[in-house]
Amino acid sequence: MAGAVVVRGHISDPTHVELEQPLSGLRGQVEVTLRPLLAPRVAPTTPLAEWMAAFDSWIASHDSSLPVLSTEALRRESLYEER
């Protein structure tokens, strides 16, 4: 086999994996590495206007008297001076 084949499925018991699609054309020995899939993204349930109001409130809760970093201070070279 020249390359890798990605298959998806569900573990039904400690020794069986139920594939989402049949696997054809693959013969011989294979090595299987299992990893959990990330949970699917769920659409936010909070209305956009409510989210934006909460975000604006969070921004306003910060102390505005603190000094702002200069553009120069935020450059990559300034962050990693010792390299």
PDB file of N, CA and C in Angstrom:
ATOM      1  N   MET A   1       0.854  -1.170   0.000  1.00  0.00           N
ATOM      2  CA  MET A   1       0.000   0.000   0.000  1.00  0.00           C
ATOM      3  C   MET A   1       0.896   1.228   0.000  1.00  0.00           C
ATOM      4  N   ALA A   2       0.644   2.129  -0.914  1.00  0.00           N
ATOM      5  CA  ALA A   2       1.508   3.280  -1.094  1.00  0.00           C
ATOM      6  C   ALA A   2       1.251   4.398  -0.100  1.00  0.00           C
ATOM      7  N   GLY A   3       0.022   4.558   0.363  1.00  0.00           N
ATOM      8  CA  GLY A   3      -0.276   5.678   1.242  1.00  0.00           C
ATOM      9  C   GLY A   3      -1.225   5.284   2.344  1.00  0.00           C
ATOM     10  N   ALA A   4      -1.619   6.263   3.104  1.00  0.00           N
ATOM     11  CA  ALA A   4      -2.530   6.019   4.218  1.00  0.00           C
ATOM     12  C   ALA A   4      -3.974   6.165   3.761  1.00  0.00           C
ATOM     13  N   VAL A   5      -4.841   5.461   4.413  1.00  0.00           N
ATOM     14  CA  VAL A   5      -6.277   5.536   4.166  1.00  0.00           C
ATOM     15  C   VAL A   5      -6.918   5.938   5.488  1.00  0.00           C
ATOM     16  N   VAL A   6      -7.731   6.964   5.470  1.00  0.00           N
ATOM     17  CA  VAL A   6      -8.422   7.397   6.678  1.00  0.00           C
ATOM     18  C   VAL A   6      -9.841   6.836   6.641  1.00  0.00           C
ATOM     19  N   VAL A   7     -10.193   6.122   7.689  1.00  0.00           N
ATOM     20  CA  VAL A   7     -11.548   5.602   7.818  1.00  0.00           C
ATOM     21  C   VAL A   7     -12.117   6.108   9.133  1.00  0.00           C
ATOM     22  N   ARG A   8     -13.413   6.258   9.173  1.00  0.00           N
ATOM     23  CA  ARG A   8     -14.071   6.702  10.405  1.00  0.00           C
ATOM     24  C   ARG A   8     -15.070   5.650  10.831  1.00  0.00           C
ATOM     25  N   GLY A   9     -15.275   5.558  12.121  1.00  0.00           N
ATOM     26  CA  GLY A   9     -16.223   4.584  12.618  1.00  0.00           C
ATOM     27  C   GLY A   9     -16.477   4.771  14.092  1.00  0.00           C
ATOM     28  N   HIS A  10     -17.104   3.764  14.664  1.00  0.00           N
ATOM     29  CA  HIS A  10     -17.460   3.786  16.075  1.00  0.00           C
ATOM     30  C   HIS A  10     -16.982   2.488  16.709  1.00  0.00           C
ATOM     31  N   ILE A  11     -16.417   2.592  17.898  1.00  0.00           N
ATOM     32  CA  ILE A  11     -15.997   1.392  18.614  1.00  0.00           C
ATOM     33  C   ILE A  11     -17.230   0.805  19.262  1.00  0.00           C
ATOM     34  N   SER A  12     -17.552  -0.442  18.874  1.00  0.00           N
ATOM     35  CA  SER A  12     -18.754  -1.084  19.411  1.00  0.00           C
ATOM     36  C   SER A  12     -18.443  -1.945  20.632  1.00  0.00           C
ATOM     37  N   ASP A  13     -17.234  -2.444  20.728  1.00  0.00           N
ATOM     38  CA  ASP A  13     -16.765  -3.163  21.910  1.00  0.00           C
ATOM     39  C   ASP A  13     -15.244  -3.156  21.850  1.00  0.00           C
ATOM     40  N   PRO A  14     -14.564  -3.711  22.841  1.00  0.00           N
ATOM     41  CA  PRO A  14     -13.096  -3.582  22.874  1.00  0.00           C
ATOM     42  C   PRO A  14     -12.347  -4.152  21.666  1.00  0.00           C
ATOM     43  N   THR A  15     -12.993  -4.999  20.858  1.00  0.00           N
ATOM     44  CA  THR A  15     -12.281  -5.598  19.732  1.00  0.00           C
ATOM     45  C   THR A  15     -12.912  -5.320  18.373  1.00  0.00           C
ATOM     46  N   HIS A  16     -13.927  -4.472  18.293  1.00  0.00           N
ATOM     47  CA  HIS A  16     -14.599  -4.222  17.018  1.00  0.00           C
ATOM     48  C   HIS A  16     -14.812  -2.731  16.775  1.00  0.00           C
ATOM     49  N   VAL A  17     -14.586  -2.348  15.534  1.00  0.00           N
ATOM     50  CA  VAL A  17     -14.856  -0.978  15.101  1.00  0.00           C
ATOM     51  C   VAL A  17     -15.851  -1.050  13.954  1.00  0.00           C
ATOM     52  N   GLU A  18     -16.958  -0.350  14.077  1.00  0.00           N
ATOM     53  CA  GLU A  18     -17.958  -0.305  13.016  1.00  0.00           C
ATOM     54  C   GLU A  18     -17.608   0.879  12.107  1.00  0.00           C
ATOM     55  N   LEU A  19     -17.276   0.596  10.844  1.00  0.00           N
ATOM     56  CA  LEU A  19     -16.882   1.644   9.908  1.00  0.00           C
ATOM     57  C   LEU A  19     -18.099   2.370   9.367  1.00  0.00           C
ATOM     58  N   GLU A  20     -17.950   3.667   9.130  1.00  0.00           N
ATOM     59  CA  GLU A  20     -19.049   4.446   8.560  1.00  0.00           C
ATOM     60  C   GLU A  20     -19.272   4.083   7.096  1.00  0.00           C
ATOM     61  N   GLN A  21     -18.202   3.737   6.386  1.00  0.00           N
ATOM     62  CA  GLN A  21     -18.305   3.319   4.990  1.00  0.00           C
ATOM     63  C   GLN A  21     -17.496   2.046   4.818  1.00  0.00           C
ATOM     64  N   PRO A  22     -17.946   1.148   3.936  1.00  0.00           N
ATOM     65  CA  PRO A  22     -17.174  -0.079   3.717  1.00  0.00           C
ATOM     66  C   PRO A  22     -15.797   0.231   3.144  1.00  0.00           C
ATOM     67  N   LEU A  23     -14.849  -0.584   3.469  1.00  0.00           N
ATOM     68  CA  LEU A  23     -13.477  -0.416   3.011  1.00  0.00           C
ATOM     69  C   LEU A  23     -13.203  -1.478   1.962  1.00  0.00           C
ATOM     70  N   SER A  24     -13.012  -1.052   0.721  1.00  0.00           N
ATOM     71  CA  SER A  24     -12.764  -2.028  -0.333  1.00  0.00           C
ATOM     72  C   SER A  24     -11.411  -1.750  -0.973  1.00  0.00           C
ATOM     73  N   GLY A  25     -10.825  -2.761  -1.522  1.00  0.00           N
ATOM     74  CA  GLY A  25      -9.559  -2.615  -2.228  1.00  0.00           C
ATOM     75  C   GLY A  25      -8.344  -2.646  -1.327  1.00  0.00           C
ATOM     76  N   LEU A  26      -8.507  -2.838  -0.057  1.00  0.00           N
ATOM     77  CA  LEU A  26      -7.383  -2.878   0.874  1.00  0.00           C
ATOM     78  C   LEU A  26      -7.204  -4.318   1.326  1.00  0.00           C
ATOM     79  N   ARG A  27      -6.051  -4.869   1.055  1.00  0.00           N
ATOM     80  CA  ARG A  27      -5.770  -6.257   1.419  1.00  0.00           C
ATOM     81  C   ARG A  27      -4.429  -6.325   2.138  1.00  0.00           C
ATOM     82  N   GLY A  28      -4.233  -7.361   2.906  1.00  0.00           N
ATOM     83  CA  GLY A  28      -2.963  -7.574   3.586  1.00  0.00           C
ATOM     84  C   GLY A  28      -2.963  -6.992   4.988  1.00  0.00           C
ATOM     85  N   GLN A  29      -1.789  -6.887   5.546  1.00  0.00           N
ATOM     86  CA  GLN A  29      -1.652  -6.405   6.903  1.00  0.00           C
ATOM     87  C   GLN A  29      -1.798  -4.881   6.948  1.00  0.00           C
ATOM     88  N   VAL A  30      -2.388  -4.406   8.010  1.00  0.00           N
ATOM     89  CA  VAL A  30      -2.538  -2.963   8.217  1.00  0.00           C
ATOM     90  C   VAL A  30      -2.181  -2.639   9.662  1.00  0.00           C
ATOM     91  N   GLU A  31      -1.841  -1.401   9.887  1.00  0.00           N
ATOM     92  CA  GLU A  31      -1.625  -0.896  11.238  1.00  0.00           C
ATOM     93  C   GLU A  31      -2.710   0.133  11.502  1.00  0.00           C
ATOM     94  N   VAL A  32      -3.357   0.037  12.628  1.00  0.00           N
ATOM     95  CA  VAL A  32      -4.465   0.930  12.953  1.00  0.00           C
ATOM     96  C   VAL A  32      -4.079   1.792  14.146  1.00  0.00           C
ATOM     97  N   THR A  33      -4.255   3.090  13.998  1.00  0.00           N
ATOM     98  CA  THR A  33      -4.055   4.033  15.092  1.00  0.00           C
ATOM     99  C   THR A  33      -5.396   4.686  15.368  1.00  0.00           C
ATOM    100  N   LEU A  34      -5.855   4.603  16.591  1.00  0.00           N
ATOM    101  CA  LEU A  34      -7.144   5.179  16.943  1.00  0.00           C
ATOM    102  C   LEU A  34      -6.936   6.482  17.689  1.00  0.00           C
ATOM    103  N   ARG A  35      -7.763   7.464  17.373  1.00  0.00           N
ATOM    104  CA  ARG A  35      -7.756   8.713  18.114  1.00  0.00           C
ATOM    105  C   ARG A  35      -9.180   9.227  18.165  1.00  0.00           C
ATOM    106  N   PRO A  36      -9.566   9.838  19.277  1.00  0.00           N
ATOM    107  CA  PRO A  36     -10.932  10.348  19.366  1.00  0.00           C
ATOM    108  C   PRO A  36     -11.101  11.571  18.467  1.00  0.00           C
ATOM    109  N   LEU A  37     -12.270  11.708  17.895  1.00  0.00           N
ATOM    110  CA  LEU A  37     -12.581  12.887  17.110  1.00  0.00           C
ATOM    111  C   LEU A  37     -12.999  13.997  18.044  1.00  0.00           C
ATOM    112  N   LEU A  38     -12.713  15.228  17.651  1.00  0.00           N
ATOM    113  CA  LEU A  38     -13.175  16.365  18.430  1.00  0.00           C
ATOM    114  C   LEU A  38     -14.688  16.449  18.321  1.00  0.00           C
ATOM    115  N   ALA A  39     -15.300  16.938  19.336  1.00  0.00           N
ATOM    116  CA  ALA A  39     -16.758  17.098  19.312  1.00  0.00           C
ATOM    117  C   ALA A  39     -17.131  18.068  18.197  1.00  0.00           C
ATOM    118  N   PRO A  40     -18.205  17.795  17.489  1.00  0.00           N
ATOM    119  CA  PRO A  40     -18.608  18.707  16.412  1.00  0.00           C
ATOM    120  C   PRO A  40     -18.969  20.071  16.980  1.00  0.00           C
ATOM    121  N   ARG A  41     -18.650  21.102  16.208  1.00  0.00           N
ATOM    122  CA  ARG A  41     -18.977  22.457  16.644  1.00  0.00           C
ATOM    123  C   ARG A  41     -20.479  22.646  16.623  1.00  0.00           C
ATOM    124  N   VAL A  42     -20.972  23.246  17.663  1.00  0.00           N
ATOM    125  CA  VAL A  42     -22.392  23.516  17.774  1.00  0.00           C
ATOM    126  C   VAL A  42     -22.614  25.004  17.562  1.00  0.00           C
ATOM    127  N   ALA A  43     -23.608  25.331  16.784  1.00  0.00           N
ATOM    128  CA  ALA A  43     -23.906  26.746  16.541  1.00  0.00           C
ATOM    129  C   ALA A  43     -24.259  27.418  17.863  1.00  0.00           C
ATOM    130  N   PRO A  44     -23.760  28.640  18.068  1.00  0.00           N
ATOM    131  CA  PRO A  44     -24.072  29.330  19.314  1.00  0.00           C
ATOM    132  C   PRO A  44     -25.570  29.589  19.434  1.00  0.00           C
ATOM    133  N   THR A  45     -26.065  29.489  20.659  1.00  0.00           N
ATOM    134  CA  THR A  45     -27.491  29.695  20.882  1.00  0.00           C
ATOM    135  C   THR A  45     -27.797  31.117  21.338  1.00  0.00           C
ATOM    136  N   THR A  46     -26.754  31.872  21.709  1.00  0.00           N
ATOM    137  CA  THR A  46     -26.959  33.251  22.145  1.00  0.00           C
ATOM    138  C   THR A  46     -27.094  34.144  20.918  1.00  0.00           C
ATOM    139  N   PRO A  47     -28.144  34.972  20.875  1.00  0.00           N
ATOM    140  CA  PRO A  47     -28.291  35.885  19.732  1.00  0.00           C
ATOM    141  C   PRO A  47     -27.079  36.818  19.621  1.00  0.00           C
ATOM    142  N   LEU A  48     -26.719  37.174  18.401  1.00  0.00           N
ATOM    143  CA  LEU A  48     -25.539  37.990  18.149  1.00  0.00           C
ATOM    144  C   LEU A  48     -25.586  39.302  18.920  1.00  0.00           C
ATOM    145  N   ALA A  49     -26.717  39.978  18.926  1.00  0.00           N
ATOM    146  CA  ALA A  49     -26.820  41.271  19.619  1.00  0.00           C
ATOM    147  C   ALA A  49     -26.547  41.109  21.113  1.00  0.00           C
ATOM    148  N   GLU A  50     -27.038  40.022  21.700  1.00  0.00           N
ATOM    149  CA  GLU A  50     -26.801  39.778  23.129  1.00  0.00           C
ATOM    150  C   GLU A  50     -25.330  39.482  23.381  1.00  0.00           C
ATOM    151  N   TRP A  51     -24.713  38.696  22.500  1.00  0.00           N
ATOM    152  CA  TRP A  51     -23.294  38.380  22.633  1.00  0.00           C
ATOM    153  C   TRP A  51     -22.461  39.650  22.521  1.00  0.00           C
ATOM    154  N   MET A  52     -22.782  40.499  21.540  1.00  0.00           N
ATOM    155  CA  MET A  52     -22.027  41.740  21.354  1.00  0.00           C
ATOM    156  C   MET A  52     -22.177  42.657  22.566  1.00  0.00           C
ATOM    157  N   ALA A  53     -23.365  42.731  23.150  1.00  0.00           N
ATOM    158  CA  ALA A  53     -23.575  43.558  24.341  1.00  0.00           C
ATOM    159  C   ALA A  53     -22.746  43.030  25.510  1.00  0.00           C
ATOM    160  N   ALA A  54     -22.699  41.717  25.677  1.00  0.00           N
ATOM    161  CA  ALA A  54     -21.906  41.122  26.755  1.00  0.00           C
ATOM    162  C   ALA A  54     -20.418  41.375  26.522  1.00  0.00           C
ATOM    163  N   PHE A  55     -19.982  41.302  25.280  1.00  0.00           N
ATOM    164  CA  PHE A  55     -18.577  41.552  24.957  1.00  0.00           C
ATOM    165  C   PHE A  55     -18.224  43.012  25.222  1.00  0.00           C
ATOM    166  N   ASP A  56     -19.081  43.933  24.801  1.00  0.00           N
ATOM    167  CA  ASP A  56     -18.844  45.359  25.059  1.00  0.00           C
ATOM    168  C   ASP A  56     -18.792  45.635  26.556  1.00  0.00           C
ATOM    169  N   SER A  57     -19.657  44.982  27.318  1.00  0.00           N
ATOM    170  CA  SER A  57     -19.655  45.134  28.767  1.00  0.00           C
ATOM    171  C   SER A  57     -18.349  44.622  29.363  1.00  0.00           C
ATOM    172  N   TRP A  58     -17.862  43.499  28.847  1.00  0.00           N
ATOM    173  CA  TRP A  58     -16.599  42.939  29.325  1.00  0.00           C
ATOM    174  C   TRP A  58     -15.448  43.901  29.021  1.00  0.00           C
ATOM    175  N   ILE A  59     -15.443  44.472  27.832  1.00  0.00           N
ATOM    176  CA  ILE A  59     -14.400  45.433  27.467  1.00  0.00           C
ATOM    177  C   ILE A  59     -14.447  46.644  28.400  1.00  0.00           C
ATOM    178  N   ALA A  60     -15.645  47.153  28.661  1.00  0.00           N
ATOM    179  CA  ALA A  60     -15.801  48.328  29.516  1.00  0.00           C
ATOM    180  C   ALA A  60     -15.384  48.047  30.962  1.00  0.00           C
ATOM    181  N   SER A  61     -15.364  46.784  31.370  1.00  0.00           N
ATOM    182  CA  SER A  61     -15.007  46.443  32.747  1.00  0.00           C
ATOM    183  C   SER A  61     -13.502  46.539  33.011  1.00  0.00           C
ATOM    184  N   HIS A  62     -12.701  46.709  31.975  1.00  0.00           N
ATOM    185  CA  HIS A  62     -11.258  46.809  32.143  1.00  0.00           C
ATOM    186  C   HIS A  62     -10.847  48.226  32.515  1.00  0.00           C
ATOM    187  N   ASP A  63      -9.758  48.325  33.238  1.00  0.00           N
ATOM    188  CA  ASP A  63      -9.242  49.621  33.677  1.00  0.00           C
ATOM    189  C   ASP A  63      -8.647  50.360  32.482  1.00  0.00           C
ATOM    190  N   SER A  64      -9.290  51.437  32.073  1.00  0.00           N
ATOM    191  CA  SER A  64      -8.813  52.185  30.894  1.00  0.00           C
ATOM    192  C   SER A  64      -7.667  53.122  31.216  1.00  0.00           C
ATOM    193  N   SER A  65      -7.262  53.216  32.498  1.00  0.00           N
ATOM    194  CA  SER A  65      -6.143  54.093  32.849  1.00  0.00           C
ATOM    195  C   SER A  65      -4.790  53.401  32.667  1.00  0.00           C
ATOM    196  N   LEU A  66      -4.805  52.108  32.394  1.00  0.00           N
ATOM    197  CA  LEU A  66      -3.545  51.389  32.170  1.00  0.00           C
ATOM    198  C   LEU A  66      -2.929  51.824  30.854  1.00  0.00           C
ATOM    199  N   PRO A  67      -1.598  51.921  30.800  1.00  0.00           N
ATOM    200  CA  PRO A  67      -0.957  52.332  29.549  1.00  0.00           C
ATOM    201  C   PRO A  67      -1.126  51.276  28.457  1.00  0.00           C
ATOM    202  N   VAL A  68      -1.210  51.727  27.223  1.00  0.00           N
ATOM    203  CA  VAL A  68      -1.342  50.849  26.074  1.00  0.00           C
ATOM    204  C   VAL A  68       0.049  50.562  25.530  1.00  0.00           C
ATOM    205  N   LEU A  69       0.302  49.300  25.154  1.00  0.00           N
ATOM    206  CA  LEU A  69       1.607  48.963  24.573  1.00  0.00           C
ATOM    207  C   LEU A  69       1.760  49.620  23.213  1.00  0.00           C
ATOM    208  N   SER A  70       2.974  50.034  22.915  1.00  0.00           N
ATOM    209  CA  SER A  70       3.243  50.652  21.618  1.00  0.00           C
ATOM    210  C   SER A  70       3.271  49.584  20.531  1.00  0.00           C
ATOM    211  N   THR A  71       3.128  49.998  19.299  1.00  0.00           N
ATOM    212  CA  THR A  71       3.202  49.074  18.170  1.00  0.00           C
ATOM    213  C   THR A  71       4.554  48.378  18.153  1.00  0.00           C
ATOM    214  N   GLU A  72       5.612  49.117  18.478  1.00  0.00           N
ATOM    215  CA  GLU A  72       6.962  48.552  18.506  1.00  0.00           C
ATOM    216  C   GLU A  72       7.063  47.432  19.547  1.00  0.00           C
ATOM    217  N   ALA A  73       6.429  47.613  20.693  1.00  0.00           N
ATOM    218  CA  ALA A  73       6.487  46.607  21.755  1.00  0.00           C
ATOM    219  C   ALA A  73       5.785  45.313  21.349  1.00  0.00           C
ATOM    220  N   LEU A  74       4.852  45.393  20.418  1.00  0.00           N
ATOM    221  CA  LEU A  74       4.106  44.214  19.981  1.00  0.00           C
ATOM    222  C   LEU A  74       4.738  43.493  18.797  1.00  0.00           C
ATOM    223  N   ARG A  75       5.809  44.026  18.256  1.00  0.00           N
ATOM    224  CA  ARG A  75       6.472  43.373  17.124  1.00  0.00           C
ATOM    225  C   ARG A  75       7.117  42.075  17.577  1.00  0.00           C
ATOM    226  N   ARG A  76       7.147  41.113  16.689  1.00  0.00           N
ATOM    227  CA  ARG A  76       7.719  39.798  16.988  1.00  0.00           C
ATOM    228  C   ARG A  76       9.152  39.903  17.507  1.00  0.00           C
ATOM    229  N   GLU A  77       9.933  40.778  16.920  1.00  0.00           N
ATOM    230  CA  GLU A  77      11.336  40.921  17.328  1.00  0.00           C
ATOM    231  C   GLU A  77      11.439  41.390  18.768  1.00  0.00           C
ATOM    232  N   SER A  78      10.480  42.199  19.219  1.00  0.00           N
ATOM    233  CA  SER A  78      10.511  42.683  20.595  1.00  0.00           C
ATOM    234  C   SER A  78      10.095  41.591  21.580  1.00  0.00           C
ATOM    235  N   LEU A  79       9.237  40.707  21.133  1.00  0.00           N
ATOM    236  CA  LEU A  79       8.781  39.633  22.012  1.00  0.00           C
ATOM    237  C   LEU A  79       9.852  38.569  22.220  1.00  0.00           C
ATOM    238  N   TYR A  80      10.715  38.371  21.219  1.00  0.00           N
ATOM    239  CA  TYR A  80      11.733  37.316  21.269  1.00  0.00           C
ATOM    240  C   TYR A  80      13.116  37.918  21.139  1.00  0.00           C
ATOM    241  N   GLU A  81      13.443  38.887  21.990  1.00  0.00           N
ATOM    242  CA  GLU A  81      14.735  39.566  21.898  1.00  0.00           C
ATOM    243  C   GLU A  81      15.925  38.623  22.074  1.00  0.00           C
ATOM    244  N   GLU A  82      15.815  37.643  22.987  1.00  0.00           N
ATOM    245  CA  GLU A  82      16.951  36.787  23.282  1.00  0.00           C
ATOM    246  C   GLU A  82      17.269  35.770  22.214  1.00  0.00           C
ATOM    247  N   ARG A  83      16.463  35.633  21.199  1.00  0.00           N
ATOM    248  CA  ARG A  83      16.722  34.644  20.138  1.00  0.00           C
ATOM    249  C   ARG A  83      17.615  35.195  19.080  1.00  0.00           C
TER     250      ARG A  83
END
